[in-house]
Amino acid sequence: MNPLTATSKGAATRDAIIDKAYEIARFTGIEGLSIGPLAQAVGMSKSGVFAHFGSREDLQLAVLESAGMRFGEFVLGAALSQPRGLPRLRAMMRNWFEWGRLETGGCVLVASVSEFDDRPGPLRDQVVRNERRWRQELQRAAQLAIDCGHLRDGDTDQYAFELYAIPLAMLHEAGLFGYDQARRHGDSALERWFAAHAPSP
């Protein structure tokens, strides 16, 4: 096996481990990840997993980073085909609602905030990076909607905070009372928000 093939195979194995770890974390949280059960789940030895992740924390960090990328691709990436302004912002929010439907077991990103918000260290730092990155995307989308004349001029940081709150409430309700009811409430709340922040006639 030449070095290039070995590198490619190693990257593919690492990605497969992260995929399985991500699936586990959806139900157990990031703190629920451990090398032993994960190695068994992917059919490898513990030393084999350690060859790709030097520690449990390295594995957890990789899963958090992967979760942020998955979310960004699903929610933002799929919305970029929409025209700038309100159509794109609306698509982002609806994709976020759909993410909540597909993430059976729970959202790794939402759960990670509760897990690490009061625990300083590399894991909390990654959670903060994920959160800041997404809030910046919301602010950017809101500003484009303002620039296009689709939203009233305002504090985009506040706009991002309010928009963020709607899917969080929807995810909370979906876990307790079912997705369909939560989605109706989420869609209604979102349309009320857009109407409240529409530019004056």
N, C-alpha and C. Protein backbone atom coordinates (compact mmCIF):
# COMPACT_ATOMS: atom_id res chain seq x y z
N MET A 1 0.85 -1.19 0.00
CA MET A 1 0.00 0.00 0.00
C MET A 1 0.89 1.24 0.00
N ASN A 2 0.66 2.15 -0.97
CA ASN A 2 1.47 3.36 -1.00
C ASN A 2 0.99 4.36 0.05
N PRO A 3 1.82 5.35 0.40
CA PRO A 3 1.47 6.29 1.47
C PRO A 3 0.17 7.03 1.21
N LEU A 4 -0.12 7.38 -0.04
CA LEU A 4 -1.33 8.11 -0.36
C LEU A 4 -2.57 7.27 -0.09
N THR A 5 -2.50 5.99 -0.48
CA THR A 5 -3.62 5.08 -0.24
C THR A 5 -3.82 4.87 1.25
N ALA A 6 -2.72 4.73 1.98
CA ALA A 6 -2.81 4.53 3.43
C ALA A 6 -3.42 5.75 4.11
N THR A 7 -3.04 6.94 3.65
CA THR A 7 -3.60 8.17 4.22
C THR A 7 -5.09 8.26 3.95
N SER A 8 -5.48 7.92 2.72
CA SER A 8 -6.89 7.97 2.34
C SER A 8 -7.72 6.98 3.15
N LYS A 9 -7.17 5.79 3.33
CA LYS A 9 -7.87 4.76 4.10
C LYS A 9 -7.99 5.18 5.56
N GLY A 10 -6.92 5.78 6.09
CA GLY A 10 -6.95 6.24 7.47
C GLY A 10 -7.98 7.32 7.68
N ALA A 11 -8.09 8.26 6.72
CA ALA A 11 -9.08 9.33 6.82
C ALA A 11 -10.49 8.77 6.74
N ALA A 12 -10.69 7.77 5.88
CA ALA A 12 -12.01 7.17 5.75
C ALA A 12 -12.41 6.45 7.05
N THR A 13 -11.44 5.75 7.65
CA THR A 13 -11.71 5.06 8.92
C THR A 13 -12.05 6.07 10.01
N ARG A 14 -11.30 7.16 10.07
CA ARG A 14 -11.56 8.20 11.06
C ARG A 14 -12.96 8.79 10.88
N ASP A 15 -13.32 9.05 9.63
CA ASP A 15 -14.66 9.59 9.35
C ASP A 15 -15.75 8.62 9.78
N ALA A 16 -15.52 7.32 9.55
CA ALA A 16 -16.50 6.30 9.93
C ALA A 16 -16.66 6.25 11.45
N ILE A 17 -15.57 6.41 12.17
CA ILE A 17 -15.63 6.41 13.64
C ILE A 17 -16.42 7.63 14.11
N ILE A 18 -16.15 8.79 13.51
CA ILE A 18 -16.86 10.01 13.90
C ILE A 18 -18.35 9.87 13.60
N ASP A 19 -18.69 9.28 12.45
CA ASP A 19 -20.10 9.08 12.10
C ASP A 19 -20.81 8.25 13.16
N LYS A 20 -20.19 7.16 13.57
CA LYS A 20 -20.80 6.30 14.58
C LYS A 20 -20.88 7.02 15.93
N ALA A 21 -19.82 7.73 16.28
CA ALA A 21 -19.81 8.47 17.54
C ALA A 21 -20.90 9.54 17.55
N TYR A 22 -21.11 10.18 16.42
CA TYR A 22 -22.15 11.19 16.31
C TYR A 22 -23.53 10.56 16.53
N GLU A 23 -23.76 9.41 15.94
CA GLU A 23 -25.05 8.73 16.12
C GLU A 23 -25.27 8.38 17.59
N ILE A 24 -24.23 7.93 18.25
CA ILE A 24 -24.34 7.61 19.68
C ILE A 24 -24.63 8.86 20.49
N ALA A 25 -23.91 9.96 20.17
CA ALA A 25 -24.05 11.21 20.92
C ALA A 25 -25.44 11.81 20.79
N ARG A 26 -26.14 11.52 19.72
CA ARG A 26 -27.51 12.02 19.58
C ARG A 26 -28.41 11.51 20.69
N PHE A 27 -28.09 10.34 21.23
CA PHE A 27 -28.91 9.75 22.28
C PHE A 27 -28.29 9.86 23.67
N THR A 28 -26.96 9.94 23.73
CA THR A 28 -26.29 9.94 25.04
C THR A 28 -25.65 11.27 25.40
N GLY A 29 -25.55 12.19 24.41
CA GLY A 29 -24.81 13.41 24.63
C GLY A 29 -23.32 13.18 24.41
N ILE A 30 -22.57 14.26 24.31
CA ILE A 30 -21.13 14.16 24.11
C ILE A 30 -20.47 13.47 25.30
N GLU A 31 -20.98 13.73 26.48
CA GLU A 31 -20.40 13.11 27.68
C GLU A 31 -20.62 11.60 27.70
N GLY A 32 -21.60 11.13 26.96
CA GLY A 32 -21.87 9.70 26.92
C GLY A 32 -20.92 8.92 26.03
N LEU A 33 -20.04 9.60 25.32
CA LEU A 33 -19.09 8.92 24.45
C LEU A 33 -17.91 8.38 25.24
N SER A 34 -17.54 7.16 24.96
CA SER A 34 -16.34 6.57 25.55
C SER A 34 -15.71 5.63 24.53
N ILE A 35 -14.41 5.49 24.62
CA ILE A 35 -13.66 4.75 23.60
C ILE A 35 -14.06 3.28 23.52
N GLY A 36 -14.23 2.63 24.68
CA GLY A 36 -14.51 1.20 24.68
C GLY A 36 -15.77 0.82 23.92
N PRO A 37 -16.95 1.34 24.33
CA PRO A 37 -18.18 1.02 23.61
C PRO A 37 -18.16 1.45 22.16
N LEU A 38 -17.51 2.57 21.86
CA LEU A 38 -17.42 3.04 20.48
C LEU A 38 -16.61 2.06 19.64
N ALA A 39 -15.49 1.59 20.18
CA ALA A 39 -14.66 0.63 19.46
C ALA A 39 -15.45 -0.63 19.14
N GLN A 40 -16.23 -1.08 20.10
CA GLN A 40 -17.06 -2.26 19.88
C GLN A 40 -18.10 -2.00 18.80
N ALA A 41 -18.69 -0.79 18.80
CA ALA A 41 -19.74 -0.45 17.84
C ALA A 41 -19.21 -0.40 16.42
N VAL A 42 -17.95 -0.01 16.25
CA VAL A 42 -17.38 0.09 14.89
C VAL A 42 -16.56 -1.14 14.53
N GLY A 43 -16.50 -2.12 15.44
CA GLY A 43 -15.78 -3.35 15.15
C GLY A 43 -14.28 -3.19 15.14
N MET A 44 -13.77 -2.35 16.06
CA MET A 44 -12.34 -2.14 16.15
C MET A 44 -11.88 -2.38 17.58
N SER A 45 -10.58 -2.46 17.75
CA SER A 45 -10.03 -2.53 19.10
C SER A 45 -9.93 -1.12 19.67
N LYS A 46 -9.82 -1.02 20.99
CA LYS A 46 -9.66 0.29 21.61
C LYS A 46 -8.39 0.97 21.12
N SER A 47 -7.33 0.19 20.96
CA SER A 47 -6.07 0.76 20.47
C SER A 47 -6.23 1.27 19.04
N GLY A 48 -7.07 0.60 18.26
CA GLY A 48 -7.32 1.05 16.89
C GLY A 48 -8.01 2.41 16.86
N VAL A 49 -8.97 2.60 17.77
CA VAL A 49 -9.65 3.90 17.86
C VAL A 49 -8.68 4.96 18.37
N PHE A 50 -7.86 4.58 19.37
CA PHE A 50 -6.89 5.52 19.92
C PHE A 50 -5.86 5.96 18.87
N ALA A 51 -5.65 5.12 17.87
CA ALA A 51 -4.71 5.49 16.81
C ALA A 51 -5.21 6.70 16.02
N HIS A 52 -6.54 6.91 16.02
CA HIS A 52 -7.13 8.03 15.31
C HIS A 52 -7.45 9.20 16.23
N PHE A 53 -7.67 8.92 17.50
CA PHE A 53 -7.97 9.94 18.50
C PHE A 53 -7.14 9.65 19.73
N GLY A 54 -6.26 10.55 20.07
CA GLY A 54 -5.34 10.28 21.17
C GLY A 54 -5.98 10.21 22.53
N SER A 55 -7.20 10.71 22.63
CA SER A 55 -7.88 10.70 23.93
C SER A 55 -9.38 10.78 23.72
N ARG A 56 -10.12 10.53 24.76
CA ARG A 56 -11.58 10.66 24.71
C ARG A 56 -11.97 12.10 24.38
N GLU A 57 -11.24 13.05 24.94
CA GLU A 57 -11.55 14.45 24.67
C GLU A 57 -11.33 14.80 23.21
N ASP A 58 -10.27 14.26 22.60
CA ASP A 58 -10.03 14.50 21.17
C ASP A 58 -11.20 13.97 20.34
N LEU A 59 -11.71 12.81 20.72
CA LEU A 59 -12.86 12.24 20.03
C LEU A 59 -14.08 13.15 20.20
N GLN A 60 -14.34 13.60 21.42
CA GLN A 60 -15.48 14.47 21.68
C GLN A 60 -15.38 15.77 20.88
N LEU A 61 -14.18 16.33 20.81
CA LEU A 61 -13.98 17.55 20.04
C LEU A 61 -14.26 17.33 18.56
N ALA A 62 -13.82 16.19 18.04
CA ALA A 62 -14.04 15.88 16.63
C ALA A 62 -15.53 15.74 16.34
N VAL A 63 -16.27 15.14 17.27
CA VAL A 63 -17.72 14.97 17.08
C VAL A 63 -18.43 16.32 17.14
N LEU A 64 -18.02 17.19 18.06
CA LEU A 64 -18.61 18.53 18.14
C LEU A 64 -18.36 19.31 16.86
N GLU A 65 -17.15 19.22 16.34
CA GLU A 65 -16.83 19.93 15.11
C GLU A 65 -17.64 19.37 13.95
N SER A 66 -17.76 18.05 13.90
CA SER A 66 -18.54 17.41 12.86
C SER A 66 -20.01 17.81 12.95
N ALA A 67 -20.53 17.90 14.16
CA ALA A 67 -21.93 18.28 14.36
C ALA A 67 -22.17 19.68 13.80
N GLY A 68 -21.24 20.61 14.06
CA GLY A 68 -21.38 21.95 13.55
C GLY A 68 -21.37 21.99 12.03
N MET A 69 -20.51 21.18 11.42
CA MET A 69 -20.43 21.14 9.96
C MET A 69 -21.69 20.53 9.35
N ARG A 70 -22.20 19.47 9.97
CA ARG A 70 -23.43 18.83 9.48
C ARG A 70 -24.59 19.82 9.51
N PHE A 71 -24.70 20.50 10.64
CA PHE A 71 -25.79 21.46 10.81
C PHE A 71 -25.67 22.57 9.77
N GLY A 72 -24.47 23.13 9.62
CA GLY A 72 -24.28 24.21 8.67
C GLY A 72 -24.61 23.81 7.24
N GLU A 73 -24.21 22.62 6.84
CA GLU A 73 -24.48 22.14 5.49
C GLU A 73 -25.98 21.94 5.27
N PHE A 74 -26.66 21.38 6.28
CA PHE A 74 -28.08 21.07 6.14
C PHE A 74 -28.92 22.33 6.18
N VAL A 75 -28.62 23.23 7.09
CA VAL A 75 -29.46 24.40 7.31
C VAL A 75 -29.07 25.57 6.40
N LEU A 76 -27.79 25.92 6.39
CA LEU A 76 -27.35 27.06 5.59
C LEU A 76 -27.05 26.67 4.16
N GLY A 77 -26.28 25.59 3.98
CA GLY A 77 -25.88 25.20 2.64
C GLY A 77 -27.07 25.01 1.71
N ALA A 78 -28.12 24.37 2.22
CA ALA A 78 -29.30 24.12 1.40
C ALA A 78 -30.10 25.39 1.12
N ALA A 79 -29.87 26.45 1.92
CA ALA A 79 -30.63 27.70 1.75
C ALA A 79 -29.94 28.67 0.79
N LEU A 80 -28.67 28.43 0.48
CA LEU A 80 -27.92 29.39 -0.32
C LEU A 80 -28.41 29.48 -1.76
N SER A 81 -29.19 28.51 -2.20
CA SER A 81 -29.74 28.57 -3.55
C SER A 81 -30.90 29.56 -3.64
N GLN A 82 -31.41 29.99 -2.49
CA GLN A 82 -32.51 30.94 -2.46
C GLN A 82 -31.99 32.37 -2.65
N PRO A 83 -32.82 33.26 -3.19
CA PRO A 83 -32.39 34.65 -3.36
C PRO A 83 -32.03 35.28 -2.02
N ARG A 84 -31.10 36.21 -2.06
CA ARG A 84 -30.71 36.91 -0.84
C ARG A 84 -31.91 37.64 -0.23
N GLY A 85 -31.83 37.81 1.07
CA GLY A 85 -32.89 38.52 1.76
C GLY A 85 -33.83 37.57 2.47
N LEU A 86 -35.09 37.95 2.53
CA LEU A 86 -36.06 37.15 3.29
C LEU A 86 -36.23 35.72 2.77
N PRO A 87 -36.21 35.49 1.44
CA PRO A 87 -36.34 34.09 0.98
C PRO A 87 -35.25 33.19 1.55
N ARG A 88 -34.01 33.68 1.59
CA ARG A 88 -32.92 32.87 2.12
C ARG A 88 -33.04 32.70 3.63
N LEU A 89 -33.37 33.77 4.34
CA LEU A 89 -33.53 33.67 5.80
C LEU A 89 -34.68 32.73 6.15
N ARG A 90 -35.76 32.83 5.42
CA ARG A 90 -36.90 31.95 5.66
C ARG A 90 -36.50 30.49 5.42
N ALA A 91 -35.74 30.24 4.35
CA ALA A 91 -35.30 28.87 4.06
C ALA A 91 -34.39 28.35 5.16
N MET A 92 -33.49 29.19 5.66
CA MET A 92 -32.62 28.78 6.76
C MET A 92 -33.42 28.34 7.97
N MET A 93 -34.43 29.13 8.32
CA MET A 93 -35.23 28.81 9.50
C MET A 93 -36.04 27.54 9.30
N ARG A 94 -36.60 27.38 8.13
CA ARG A 94 -37.39 26.17 7.88
C ARG A 94 -36.51 24.93 7.80
N ASN A 95 -35.31 25.09 7.25
CA ASN A 95 -34.36 23.97 7.27
C ASN A 95 -34.00 23.61 8.71
N TRP A 96 -33.88 24.61 9.55
CA TRP A 96 -33.58 24.37 10.97
C TRP A 96 -34.72 23.59 11.62
N PHE A 97 -35.95 23.97 11.31
CA PHE A 97 -37.09 23.22 11.83
C PHE A 97 -37.04 21.77 11.35
N GLU A 98 -36.69 21.58 10.08
CA GLU A 98 -36.63 20.22 9.52
C GLU A 98 -35.50 19.43 10.16
N TRP A 99 -34.40 20.08 10.46
CA TRP A 99 -33.30 19.44 11.18
C TRP A 99 -33.81 18.84 12.49
N GLY A 100 -34.67 19.57 13.17
CA GLY A 100 -35.24 19.07 14.42
C GLY A 100 -36.07 17.82 14.23
N ARG A 101 -36.72 17.72 13.08
CA ARG A 101 -37.51 16.51 12.80
C ARG A 101 -36.62 15.31 12.53
N LEU A 102 -35.53 15.54 11.80
CA LEU A 102 -34.66 14.44 11.39
C LEU A 102 -33.74 13.95 12.49
N GLU A 103 -33.40 14.83 13.44
CA GLU A 103 -32.45 14.45 14.49
C GLU A 103 -33.14 13.66 15.60
N THR A 104 -33.58 12.48 15.26
CA THR A 104 -34.22 11.60 16.23
C THR A 104 -33.25 11.32 17.39
N GLY A 105 -33.75 11.47 18.59
CA GLY A 105 -32.92 11.25 19.76
C GLY A 105 -32.48 12.55 20.39
N GLY A 106 -32.26 13.56 19.56
CA GLY A 106 -31.86 14.86 20.08
C GLY A 106 -30.79 15.51 19.24
N CYS A 107 -30.67 16.83 19.38
CA CYS A 107 -29.67 17.59 18.64
C CYS A 107 -28.40 17.66 19.47
N VAL A 108 -27.31 17.16 18.92
CA VAL A 108 -26.02 17.17 19.62
C VAL A 108 -25.60 18.58 19.99
N LEU A 109 -25.84 19.53 19.11
CA LEU A 109 -25.41 20.90 19.34
C LEU A 109 -26.18 21.54 20.50
N VAL A 110 -27.49 21.36 20.51
CA VAL A 110 -28.30 21.93 21.60
C VAL A 110 -27.92 21.28 22.93
N ALA A 111 -27.78 19.96 22.92
CA ALA A 111 -27.43 19.25 24.16
C ALA A 111 -26.06 19.66 24.66
N SER A 112 -25.13 19.94 23.74
CA SER A 112 -23.77 20.26 24.15
C SER A 112 -23.70 21.57 24.93
N VAL A 113 -24.61 22.50 24.66
CA VAL A 113 -24.63 23.76 25.40
C VAL A 113 -24.94 23.49 26.86
N SER A 114 -25.95 22.65 27.11
CA SER A 114 -26.30 22.32 28.50
C SER A 114 -25.19 21.52 29.18
N GLU A 115 -24.51 20.69 28.40
CA GLU A 115 -23.46 19.86 28.97
C GLU A 115 -22.23 20.67 29.40
N PHE A 116 -21.88 21.68 28.62
CA PHE A 116 -20.58 22.32 28.82
C PHE A 116 -20.62 23.82 29.09
N ASP A 117 -21.81 24.40 29.24
CA ASP A 117 -21.85 25.85 29.42
C ASP A 117 -21.16 26.33 30.69
N ASP A 118 -21.07 25.47 31.70
CA ASP A 118 -20.43 25.89 32.95
C ASP A 118 -19.16 25.09 33.26
N ARG A 119 -18.55 24.54 32.20
CA ARG A 119 -17.37 23.71 32.38
C ARG A 119 -16.24 24.20 31.49
N PRO A 120 -15.42 25.12 31.97
CA PRO A 120 -14.34 25.67 31.14
C PRO A 120 -13.41 24.59 30.62
N GLY A 121 -12.90 24.79 29.43
CA GLY A 121 -11.98 23.83 28.83
C GLY A 121 -12.17 23.75 27.34
N PRO A 122 -11.42 22.88 26.66
CA PRO A 122 -11.48 22.77 25.20
C PRO A 122 -12.86 22.42 24.66
N LEU A 123 -13.61 21.59 25.37
CA LEU A 123 -14.94 21.21 24.88
C LEU A 123 -15.89 22.40 24.90
N ARG A 124 -15.87 23.15 25.99
CA ARG A 124 -16.69 24.36 26.05
C ARG A 124 -16.27 25.35 24.97
N ASP A 125 -14.97 25.47 24.75
CA ASP A 125 -14.48 26.38 23.72
C ASP A 125 -15.02 26.01 22.34
N GLN A 126 -15.09 24.71 22.05
CA GLN A 126 -15.64 24.27 20.76
C GLN A 126 -17.13 24.54 20.68
N VAL A 127 -17.84 24.34 21.78
CA VAL A 127 -19.27 24.65 21.81
C VAL A 127 -19.48 26.13 21.52
N VAL A 128 -18.68 26.99 22.13
CA VAL A 128 -18.79 28.43 21.91
C VAL A 128 -18.49 28.77 20.45
N ARG A 129 -17.48 28.14 19.87
CA ARG A 129 -17.16 28.39 18.46
C ARG A 129 -18.34 28.02 17.57
N ASN A 130 -18.94 26.86 17.83
CA ASN A 130 -20.10 26.44 17.05
C ASN A 130 -21.23 27.45 17.16
N GLU A 131 -21.50 27.89 18.39
CA GLU A 131 -22.59 28.83 18.62
C GLU A 131 -22.32 30.17 17.96
N ARG A 132 -21.13 30.69 18.12
CA ARG A 132 -20.79 31.99 17.52
C ARG A 132 -20.87 31.96 16.01
N ARG A 133 -20.38 30.86 15.45
CA ARG A 133 -20.39 30.73 13.98
C ARG A 133 -21.82 30.79 13.46
N TRP A 134 -22.72 30.09 14.12
CA TRP A 134 -24.10 30.06 13.64
C TRP A 134 -24.81 31.39 13.88
N ARG A 135 -24.57 32.02 15.03
CA ARG A 135 -25.18 33.33 15.28
C ARG A 135 -24.69 34.36 14.28
N GLN A 136 -23.45 34.28 13.89
CA GLN A 136 -22.92 35.19 12.87
C GLN A 136 -23.61 34.98 11.53
N GLU A 137 -23.91 33.72 11.21
CA GLU A 137 -24.63 33.44 9.96
C GLU A 137 -26.05 34.00 10.02
N LEU A 138 -26.71 33.89 11.18
CA LEU A 138 -28.04 34.47 11.33
C LEU A 138 -27.99 35.98 11.20
N GLN A 139 -26.99 36.61 11.82
CA GLN A 139 -26.85 38.05 11.71
C GLN A 139 -26.60 38.47 10.27
N ARG A 140 -25.76 37.72 9.57
CA ARG A 140 -25.45 38.04 8.18
C ARG A 140 -26.72 37.93 7.32
N ALA A 141 -27.49 36.87 7.54
CA ALA A 141 -28.72 36.69 6.77
C ALA A 141 -29.73 37.79 7.08
N ALA A 142 -29.82 38.18 8.34
CA ALA A 142 -30.73 39.25 8.72
C ALA A 142 -30.31 40.58 8.09
N GLN A 143 -29.00 40.84 8.07
CA GLN A 143 -28.52 42.08 7.48
C GLN A 143 -28.82 42.12 5.98
N LEU A 144 -28.64 40.98 5.30
CA LEU A 144 -28.98 40.93 3.88
C LEU A 144 -30.46 41.21 3.65
N ALA A 145 -31.32 40.69 4.55
CA ALA A 145 -32.75 40.94 4.43
C ALA A 145 -33.06 42.43 4.65
N ILE A 146 -32.33 43.05 5.57
CA ILE A 146 -32.48 44.50 5.78
C ILE A 146 -32.04 45.25 4.54
N ASP A 147 -30.87 44.88 4.02
CA ASP A 147 -30.33 45.55 2.84
C ASP A 147 -31.26 45.42 1.63
N CYS A 148 -31.97 44.31 1.55
CA CYS A 148 -32.89 44.08 0.43
C CYS A 148 -34.24 44.75 0.65
N GLY A 149 -34.42 45.35 1.82
CA GLY A 149 -35.69 46.00 2.12
C GLY A 149 -36.77 45.05 2.58
N HIS A 150 -36.38 43.84 3.00
CA HIS A 150 -37.36 42.84 3.43
C HIS A 150 -37.61 42.86 4.93
N LEU A 151 -36.67 43.41 5.69
CA LEU A 151 -36.82 43.55 7.14
C LEU A 151 -36.55 45.00 7.52
N ARG A 152 -37.20 45.43 8.59
CA ARG A 152 -36.96 46.77 9.12
C ARG A 152 -35.54 46.84 9.68
N ASP A 153 -34.89 47.96 9.50
CA ASP A 153 -33.54 48.14 10.03
C ASP A 153 -33.56 47.97 11.54
N GLY A 154 -32.57 47.25 12.06
CA GLY A 154 -32.54 46.99 13.49
C GLY A 154 -31.22 46.36 13.90
N ASP A 155 -31.13 45.99 15.15
CA ASP A 155 -29.93 45.38 15.73
C ASP A 155 -29.90 43.92 15.31
N THR A 156 -28.99 43.56 14.41
CA THR A 156 -28.98 42.18 13.91
C THR A 156 -28.56 41.18 14.98
N ASP A 157 -27.82 41.62 15.98
CA ASP A 157 -27.48 40.74 17.09
C ASP A 157 -28.75 40.36 17.85
N GLN A 158 -29.62 41.33 18.08
CA GLN A 158 -30.90 41.06 18.73
C GLN A 158 -31.79 40.21 17.83
N TYR A 159 -31.78 40.50 16.54
CA TYR A 159 -32.56 39.70 15.60
C TYR A 159 -32.13 38.24 15.66
N ALA A 160 -30.81 38.01 15.67
CA ALA A 160 -30.30 36.64 15.72
C ALA A 160 -30.74 35.94 17.00
N PHE A 161 -30.71 36.68 18.11
CA PHE A 161 -31.14 36.11 19.40
C PHE A 161 -32.59 35.67 19.33
N GLU A 162 -33.45 36.51 18.79
CA GLU A 162 -34.88 36.19 18.74
C GLU A 162 -35.16 35.05 17.77
N LEU A 163 -34.50 35.08 16.62
CA LEU A 163 -34.70 34.00 15.66
C LEU A 163 -34.21 32.66 16.23
N TYR A 164 -33.12 32.71 16.96
CA TYR A 164 -32.57 31.50 17.58
C TYR A 164 -33.55 30.90 18.58
N ALA A 165 -34.28 31.76 19.27
CA ALA A 165 -35.17 31.29 20.34
C ALA A 165 -36.32 30.44 19.81
N ILE A 166 -36.78 30.72 18.60
CA ILE A 166 -37.95 30.01 18.07
C ILE A 166 -37.66 28.52 17.84
N PRO A 167 -36.58 28.15 17.12
CA PRO A 167 -36.29 26.72 16.97
C PRO A 167 -35.97 26.03 18.29
N LEU A 168 -35.33 26.74 19.21
CA LEU A 168 -35.05 26.12 20.51
C LEU A 168 -36.34 25.74 21.21
N ALA A 169 -37.32 26.63 21.21
CA ALA A 169 -38.61 26.33 21.83
C ALA A 169 -39.30 25.19 21.09
N MET A 170 -39.17 25.18 19.76
CA MET A 170 -39.79 24.12 18.98
C MET A 170 -39.18 22.75 19.30
N LEU A 171 -37.83 22.70 19.39
CA LEU A 171 -37.16 21.45 19.71
C LEU A 171 -37.56 20.95 21.10
N HIS A 172 -37.68 21.88 22.04
CA HIS A 172 -38.08 21.52 23.40
C HIS A 172 -39.48 20.91 23.39
N GLU A 173 -40.40 21.56 22.69
CA GLU A 173 -41.77 21.06 22.64
C GLU A 173 -41.87 19.75 21.87
N ALA A 174 -41.08 19.62 20.80
CA ALA A 174 -41.13 18.40 19.99
C ALA A 174 -40.76 17.18 20.82
N GLY A 175 -39.78 17.34 21.70
CA GLY A 175 -39.36 16.22 22.52
C GLY A 175 -40.41 15.78 23.51
N LEU A 176 -41.25 16.72 23.93
CA LEU A 176 -42.27 16.40 24.94
C LEU A 176 -43.63 16.08 24.34
N PHE A 177 -44.01 16.81 23.31
CA PHE A 177 -45.38 16.72 22.82
C PHE A 177 -45.50 16.31 21.35
N GLY A 178 -44.38 16.03 20.72
CA GLY A 178 -44.42 15.59 19.33
C GLY A 178 -44.05 16.67 18.35
N TYR A 179 -43.45 16.25 17.25
CA TYR A 179 -42.91 17.20 16.28
C TYR A 179 -44.01 17.98 15.57
N ASP A 180 -45.11 17.33 15.19
CA ASP A 180 -46.13 18.01 14.39
C ASP A 180 -46.69 19.23 15.11
N GLN A 181 -47.02 19.07 16.40
CA GLN A 181 -47.54 20.20 17.16
C GLN A 181 -46.49 21.29 17.29
N ALA A 182 -45.26 20.88 17.58
CA ALA A 182 -44.18 21.85 17.73
C ALA A 182 -43.92 22.59 16.43
N ARG A 183 -43.98 21.90 15.30
CA ARG A 183 -43.73 22.53 14.02
C ARG A 183 -44.80 23.57 13.71
N ARG A 184 -46.07 23.27 14.02
CA ARG A 184 -47.12 24.26 13.80
C ARG A 184 -46.86 25.53 14.59
N HIS A 185 -46.48 25.34 15.86
CA HIS A 185 -46.18 26.50 16.70
C HIS A 185 -44.95 27.25 16.19
N GLY A 186 -43.94 26.50 15.76
CA GLY A 186 -42.73 27.13 15.25
C GLY A 186 -43.00 27.93 13.99
N ASP A 187 -43.73 27.36 13.04
CA ASP A 187 -44.06 28.07 11.80
C ASP A 187 -44.86 29.34 12.10
N SER A 188 -45.82 29.22 13.00
CA SER A 188 -46.65 30.38 13.35
C SER A 188 -45.82 31.48 14.01
N ALA A 189 -44.95 31.08 14.94
CA ALA A 189 -44.11 32.06 15.63
C ALA A 189 -43.18 32.76 14.65
N LEU A 190 -42.64 32.00 13.70
CA LEU A 190 -41.72 32.58 12.73
C LEU A 190 -42.43 33.60 11.85
N GLU A 191 -43.63 33.26 11.38
CA GLU A 191 -44.37 34.20 10.53
C GLU A 191 -44.76 35.45 11.31
N ARG A 192 -45.11 35.30 12.58
CA ARG A 192 -45.41 36.46 13.42
C ARG A 192 -44.17 37.34 13.55
N TRP A 193 -42.98 36.71 13.69
CA TRP A 193 -41.75 37.48 13.81
C TRP A 193 -41.47 38.27 12.54
N PHE A 194 -41.63 37.61 11.39
CA PHE A 194 -41.39 38.30 10.13
C PHE A 194 -42.36 39.47 9.97
N ALA A 195 -43.62 39.26 10.33
CA ALA A 195 -44.60 40.33 10.20
C ALA A 195 -44.28 41.50 11.13
N ALA A 196 -43.82 41.17 12.35
CA ALA A 196 -43.51 42.22 13.33
C ALA A 196 -42.31 43.06 12.91
N HIS A 197 -41.41 42.47 12.10
CA HIS A 197 -40.19 43.17 11.71
C HIS A 197 -40.17 43.56 10.24
N ALA A 198 -41.35 43.52 9.62
CA ALA A 198 -41.45 43.96 8.24
C ALA A 198 -41.27 45.47 8.15
N PRO A 199 -40.69 45.95 7.07
CA PRO A 199 -40.53 47.42 6.94
C PRO A 199 -41.88 48.11 6.85
N SER A 200 -41.91 49.34 7.31
CA SER A 200 -43.17 50.11 7.26
C SER A 200 -43.58 50.34 5.82
N PRO A 201 -44.89 50.32 5.54
CA PRO A 201 -45.36 50.56 4.17
C PRO A 201 -44.92 51.94 3.67
